[in-house]
């Protein structure tokens, strides 16, 4: 099974999710450090769509400039959030994991088991 994780090595949840994936038998894993290699806006759109979540739900508020950029307000649009995430990947909540079974924001890390 192919699996891709958009990973931040400074995040405990991301590290724990990565460890689960690395220990899972039969997983061909791709690790993308999204702060160094951010996904395109189109890829973000696809990930959130496939995860059944809105960009607002995938927005990282704590430890990011989301509030200063006005992205936490009720009138912030999905397009504004996606554009901001494409420019400032720290705004993307993590870890996002994609397999043939779908996409999940794996917070908590145990959610990754649903994709294996």
Protein backbone atom coordinates (compact mmCIF):
# COMPACT_ATOMS: atom_id res chain seq x y z
CA UNK A 1 0.00 0.00 0.00
CA UNK A 2 1.21 3.48 -0.86
CA UNK A 3 1.05 6.09 1.90
CA UNK A 4 2.10 9.73 1.93
CA UNK A 5 2.46 11.79 5.08
CA UNK A 6 2.78 15.57 5.10
CA UNK A 7 5.07 15.68 8.08
CA UNK A 8 6.57 18.23 10.46
CA UNK A 9 9.42 16.61 12.41
CA UNK A 10 9.01 19.24 15.16
CA UNK A 11 5.46 18.03 15.91
CA UNK A 12 4.98 15.17 18.38
CA UNK A 13 1.72 14.00 16.80
CA UNK A 14 3.33 14.01 13.38
CA UNK A 15 6.31 11.99 14.67
CA UNK A 16 3.99 9.46 16.34
CA UNK A 17 1.91 9.12 13.17
CA UNK A 18 5.06 8.60 11.12
CA UNK A 19 6.20 5.89 13.54
CA UNK A 20 2.89 4.03 13.12
CA UNK A 21 3.25 4.20 9.33
CA UNK A 22 6.88 3.05 9.45
CA UNK A 23 5.94 0.05 11.59
CA UNK A 24 2.93 -0.97 9.49
CA UNK A 25 3.66 -4.00 7.32
CA UNK A 26 3.42 -3.56 3.56
CA UNK A 27 3.38 0.24 3.56
CA UNK A 28 5.44 1.97 0.88
CA UNK A 29 5.86 5.33 2.60
CA UNK A 30 6.59 8.76 1.17
CA UNK A 31 7.46 11.40 3.75
CA UNK A 32 7.08 15.03 2.71
CA UNK A 33 8.32 17.67 5.10
CA UNK A 34 5.67 20.14 4.04
CA UNK A 35 7.42 23.18 5.54
CA UNK A 36 10.35 22.54 3.17
CA UNK A 37 8.28 21.20 0.25
CA UNK A 38 4.77 22.61 0.58
CA UNK A 39 1.89 21.13 -1.37
CA UNK A 40 0.45 23.23 -4.16
CA UNK A 41 -2.85 25.00 -3.69
CA UNK A 42 -4.46 22.42 -5.99
CA UNK A 43 -3.01 19.56 -3.93
CA UNK A 44 -4.30 21.14 -0.72
CA UNK A 45 -7.74 21.47 -2.29
CA UNK A 46 -7.66 17.79 -3.27
CA UNK A 47 -6.43 16.65 0.16
CA UNK A 48 -9.15 18.54 2.03
CA UNK A 49 -11.84 17.41 -0.43
CA UNK A 50 -10.75 13.77 -0.12
CA UNK A 51 -10.62 14.10 3.68
CA UNK A 52 -14.16 15.49 3.70
CA UNK A 53 -13.05 18.63 5.47
CA UNK A 54 -12.99 22.32 4.73
CA UNK A 55 -9.83 24.39 4.52
CA UNK A 56 -11.07 26.09 7.72
CA UNK A 57 -10.99 22.70 9.46
CA UNK A 58 -7.45 22.12 8.17
CA UNK A 59 -6.18 25.51 9.33
CA UNK A 60 -3.53 25.50 12.04
CA UNK A 61 -4.23 28.37 14.41
CA UNK A 62 -1.91 27.70 17.35
CA UNK A 63 1.68 28.55 16.53
CA UNK A 64 0.81 30.14 13.20
CA UNK A 65 -0.03 33.61 11.91
CA UNK A 66 -3.65 32.59 11.14
CA UNK A 67 -5.21 35.14 13.50
CA UNK A 68 -2.97 38.00 12.38
CA UNK A 69 -3.87 37.22 8.76
CA UNK A 70 -7.59 37.34 9.58
CA UNK A 71 -8.09 33.69 8.66
CA UNK A 72 -9.88 32.73 11.87
CA UNK A 73 -12.74 35.16 11.29
CA UNK A 74 -16.09 33.82 10.18
CA UNK A 75 -15.88 35.74 6.91
CA UNK A 76 -12.55 34.18 5.83
CA UNK A 77 -13.27 32.22 2.66
CA UNK A 78 -11.94 28.81 1.71
CA UNK A 79 -10.10 30.45 -1.20
CA UNK A 80 -8.40 32.94 1.11
CA UNK A 81 -7.32 30.16 3.45
CA UNK A 82 -6.03 27.94 0.64
CA UNK A 83 -4.10 30.84 -0.89
CA UNK A 84 -2.56 31.64 2.50
CA UNK A 85 -1.66 27.98 3.14
CA UNK A 86 0.05 27.77 -0.25
CA UNK A 87 2.14 30.83 0.67
CA UNK A 88 2.67 30.02 4.37
CA UNK A 89 2.66 26.23 4.88
CA UNK A 90 2.90 26.68 8.67
CA UNK A 91 -0.86 27.37 8.38
CA UNK A 92 -1.51 23.72 7.40
CA UNK A 93 -2.55 21.53 10.30
CA UNK A 94 -0.71 18.24 10.38
CA UNK A 95 -0.11 15.46 9.85
CA UNK A 96 -2.15 14.81 6.75
CA UNK A 97 -1.91 11.22 5.53
CA UNK A 98 -3.06 9.93 2.15
CA UNK A 99 -3.49 6.29 1.13
CA UNK A 100 -5.69 4.47 -1.35
CA UNK A 101 -8.33 4.39 1.42
CA UNK A 102 -8.50 8.18 1.61
CA UNK A 103 -7.04 11.16 3.42
CA UNK A 104 -7.13 12.06 7.10
CA UNK A 105 -5.83 14.76 9.36
CA UNK A 106 -4.35 12.35 11.90
CA UNK A 107 -4.99 14.23 15.12
CA UNK A 108 -4.88 12.13 17.23
CA UNK A 109 -2.32 9.86 15.59
CA UNK A 110 -4.49 6.76 16.07
CA UNK A 111 -6.70 7.95 13.22
CA UNK A 112 -4.02 6.77 10.79
CA UNK A 113 -5.10 3.17 11.46
CA UNK A 114 -8.33 3.89 9.54
CA UNK A 115 -6.21 4.44 6.41
CA UNK A 116 -4.20 1.21 6.69
